[in-house]
Protein backbone atom coordinates (compact mmCIF):
# COMPACT_ATOMS: atom_id res chain seq x y z
CA UNK A 1 -16.48 19.18 0.27
CA UNK A 2 -14.73 15.70 0.23
CA UNK A 3 -11.98 14.93 2.66
CA UNK A 4 -8.92 13.54 1.29
CA UNK A 5 -7.57 10.28 2.71
CA UNK A 6 -4.54 10.94 4.97
CA UNK A 7 -4.31 7.02 5.52
CA UNK A 8 -4.95 4.24 2.79
CA UNK A 9 -5.71 0.84 3.87
CA UNK A 10 -4.94 -1.96 1.41
CA UNK A 11 -6.02 -5.57 2.18
CA UNK A 12 -5.18 -8.60 0.06
CA UNK A 13 -8.78 -9.83 0.20
CA UNK A 14 -12.19 -8.79 1.46
CA UNK A 15 -11.99 -11.53 4.09
CA UNK A 16 -9.53 -9.44 5.82
CA UNK A 17 -11.82 -6.68 6.57
CA UNK A 18 -13.06 -8.39 9.87
CA UNK A 19 -9.50 -8.10 11.19
CA UNK A 20 -8.81 -4.60 9.62
CA UNK A 21 -12.04 -3.03 10.95
CA UNK A 22 -9.96 -2.20 14.14
CA UNK A 23 -7.57 0.18 12.20
CA UNK A 24 -10.63 1.79 10.52
CA UNK A 25 -12.20 2.19 13.88
CA UNK A 26 -9.16 3.84 15.36
CA UNK A 27 -8.57 6.30 12.31
CA UNK A 28 -12.36 7.10 12.65
CA UNK A 29 -11.82 7.92 16.61
CA UNK A 30 -9.08 10.17 15.74
CA UNK A 31 -10.95 11.87 12.87
CA UNK A 32 -8.47 10.81 10.32
CA UNK A 33 -9.90 10.62 6.85
CA UNK A 34 -9.03 7.04 5.17
CA UNK A 35 -9.69 5.04 2.09
CA UNK A 36 -9.78 1.34 2.04
CA UNK A 37 -9.29 -0.87 -0.89
CA UNK A 38 -8.74 -4.71 -1.88
CA UNK A 39 -5.86 -5.67 -4.03
CA UNK A 40 -3.59 -8.39 -4.24
CA UNK A 41 0.21 -8.43 -4.30
CA UNK A 42 0.41 -11.37 -6.71
CA UNK A 43 -2.97 -11.13 -8.72
CA UNK A 44 -3.32 -7.45 -9.05
CA UNK A 45 0.22 -5.76 -8.66
CA UNK A 46 -0.76 -2.94 -11.39
CA UNK A 47 -3.74 -2.01 -9.19
CA UNK A 48 -1.88 -1.95 -5.99
CA UNK A 49 0.89 0.39 -7.64
CA UNK A 50 -2.03 2.48 -8.95
CA UNK A 51 -3.66 2.73 -5.66
CA UNK A 52 -0.12 3.92 -4.09
CA UNK A 53 0.56 6.44 -6.91
CA UNK A 54 -2.93 8.10 -6.76
CA UNK A 55 -2.55 8.09 -2.92
CA UNK A 56 0.69 9.90 -3.01
CA UNK A 57 -0.55 12.30 -5.51
CA UNK A 58 -3.54 13.11 -3.33
CA UNK A 59 -1.36 13.89 -0.29
CA UNK A 60 -1.97 10.52 1.50
CA UNK A 61 0.73 10.36 4.73
CA UNK A 62 0.82 6.65 5.77
CA UNK A 63 -0.29 3.26 3.93
CA UNK A 64 -1.42 0.33 5.97
CA UNK A 65 -1.16 -3.04 4.26
CA UNK A 66 -2.88 -6.18 5.32
CA UNK A 67 -2.43 -9.74 4.05
CA UNK A 68 -2.49 -13.44 5.09
CA UNK A 69 -0.30 -16.30 3.82
CA UNK A 70 2.44 -15.34 1.55
CA UNK A 71 1.89 -11.62 2.59
CA UNK A 72 3.74 -9.66 0.38
CA UNK A 73 1.31 -6.63 0.03
CA UNK A 74 2.88 -4.54 2.29
CA UNK A 75 6.28 -4.97 0.60
CA UNK A 76 4.76 -4.28 -2.92
CA UNK A 77 3.29 -1.11 -1.32
CA UNK A 78 6.76 -0.06 0.35
CA UNK A 79 8.38 -0.78 -3.19
CA UNK A 80 6.27 1.84 -4.71
CA UNK A 81 6.70 4.52 -2.15
CA UNK A 82 8.98 6.34 0.07
CA UNK A 83 6.03 7.20 2.55
CA UNK A 84 5.64 5.01 5.65
CA UNK A 85 4.09 1.57 5.42
CA UNK A 86 2.60 -0.29 8.19
CA UNK A 87 2.20 -4.09 7.51
CA UNK A 88 -0.54 -6.11 9.27
CA UNK A 89 0.11 -9.67 9.25
CA UNK A 90 -3.35 -11.29 9.10
CA UNK A 91 -4.10 -14.30 11.20
CA UNK A 92 -4.41 -17.65 8.89
CA UNK A 93 -5.99 -20.82 9.61
CA UNK A 94 -3.01 -22.86 8.43
CA UNK A 95 -0.41 -21.36 10.72
CA UNK A 96 -2.47 -19.01 12.99
CA UNK A 97 -0.53 -15.72 11.07
CA UNK A 98 3.25 -16.60 11.56
CA UNK A 99 3.32 -17.33 7.84
CA UNK A 100 1.88 -13.66 7.49
CA UNK A 101 4.00 -12.31 10.15
CA UNK A 102 7.29 -13.64 8.53
CA UNK A 103 6.45 -12.65 4.83
CA UNK A 104 5.64 -9.17 5.98
CA UNK A 105 8.71 -8.47 8.43
CA UNK A 106 11.33 -9.96 6.17
CA UNK A 107 11.79 -7.06 3.87
CA UNK A 108 15.14 -6.51 1.93
CA UNK A 109 17.36 -3.64 3.20
CA UNK A 110 16.39 -0.27 1.88
CA UNK A 111 12.44 -1.33 1.67
CA UNK A 112 11.32 -0.80 5.14
CA UNK A 113 7.99 -1.94 6.42
CA UNK A 114 6.62 -1.19 9.98
CA UNK A 115 5.36 -4.41 11.15
CA UNK A 116 2.67 -4.87 14.00
CA UNK A 117 1.55 -8.12 15.53
CA UNK A 118 -0.36 -10.74 13.99
CA UNK A 119 -3.96 -9.30 13.66
CA UNK A 120 -2.66 -6.08 15.14
CA UNK A 121 -4.97 -3.65 12.81
CA UNK A 122 -5.63 -1.61 15.97
CA UNK A 123 -1.91 -0.99 16.70
CA UNK A 124 -1.35 -0.21 12.93
CA UNK A 125 -4.15 2.53 13.00
CA UNK A 126 -2.54 4.09 16.19
CA UNK A 127 0.89 3.71 14.64
CA UNK A 128 -0.60 5.55 11.50
CA UNK A 129 -2.07 8.50 13.63
CA UNK A 130 1.20 8.72 15.56
CA UNK A 131 3.16 9.03 12.45
CA UNK A 132 0.52 11.84 11.30
CA UNK A 133 0.69 13.54 14.54
CA UNK A 134 4.39 14.76 13.81
CA UNK A 135 2.66 17.65 11.94
CA UNK A 136 -0.62 17.96 13.62
CA UNK A 137 -0.51 19.27 17.23
CA UNK A 138 -4.27 18.52 17.58
CA UNK A 139 -3.95 14.87 16.52
CA UNK A 140 -1.12 14.62 19.18
CA UNK A 141 -3.32 15.95 21.93
CA UNK A 142 -6.08 13.34 20.99
CA UNK A 143 -3.37 10.53 20.90
CA UNK A 144 -2.28 11.66 24.54
CA UNK A 145 -6.01 11.87 25.51
CA UNK A 146 -6.22 8.39 24.37
CA UNK A 147 -3.35 7.17 26.32
CA UNK A 148 -4.78 8.92 29.36
CA UNK A 149 -8.27 7.08 29.07
CA UNK A 150 -6.35 3.81 28.79
CA UNK A 151 -4.60 4.44 31.95
CA UNK A 152 -7.75 5.41 33.63
CA UNK A 153 -9.59 2.14 32.20
CA UNK A 154 -6.72 -0.03 33.75
CA UNK A 155 -6.79 1.84 37.15
CA UNK A 156 -10.54 1.50 37.37
CA UNK A 157 -9.95 -2.42 36.73
CA UNK A 158 -7.49 -2.63 39.19
CA UNK A 159 -9.74 -0.75 41.93
CA UNK A 160 -12.51 -3.14 41.22
CA UNK A 161 -10.09 -6.13 41.46
CA UNK A 162 -8.89 -5.12 44.74
CA UNK A 163 -12.66 -5.32 46.25
CA UNK A 164 -13.26 -8.66 44.89
CA UNK A 165 -11.97 -12.32 44.70
CA UNK A 166 -10.47 -13.64 41.65
CA UNK A 167 -13.26 -15.97 41.37
CA UNK A 168 -15.94 -13.23 41.89
CA UNK A 169 -14.11 -10.68 39.33
CA UNK A 170 -13.77 -13.58 36.61
CA UNK A 171 -17.56 -14.68 37.20
CA UNK A 172 -18.44 -10.98 36.80
CA UNK A 173 -16.33 -10.58 33.59
CA UNK A 174 -18.06 -14.00 31.92
CA UNK A 175 -21.51 -12.36 32.41
């Protein structure tokens, strides 16, 4: 039996996949089914609207939209749905992603897009999981475990650092 996607990731270009892999990895870690598409806000707006409409019809709960430069994809997705949209500003060569960030975050009143950091695909995946966890206690527990594991990792690094000089620690990190 095919699982229906709970999240749809839409990218403005296939060149964004390298940055968006982190969102896909997180969704996979939490066993959240997702679909991923390439669709341009400017070159294929009809396709973008079709992806959103089909997603809504099939029970998708969250959209993640990633684009660079004149990054209007998240806004186009948000204009076509009342479901949560998370924008991921893609890092660019020209302005390092500041152009993408400003294009994504500057939405008009009434059409919100939750925006993560430039290249923040991992956080987009986590935020999508948190939104879906509102109605899924099992997923909420997975998120709590994920947080505990992060805290344990930090504590282990602190313990390791306390037993070395800074130079030794940095040398070991670079190996």
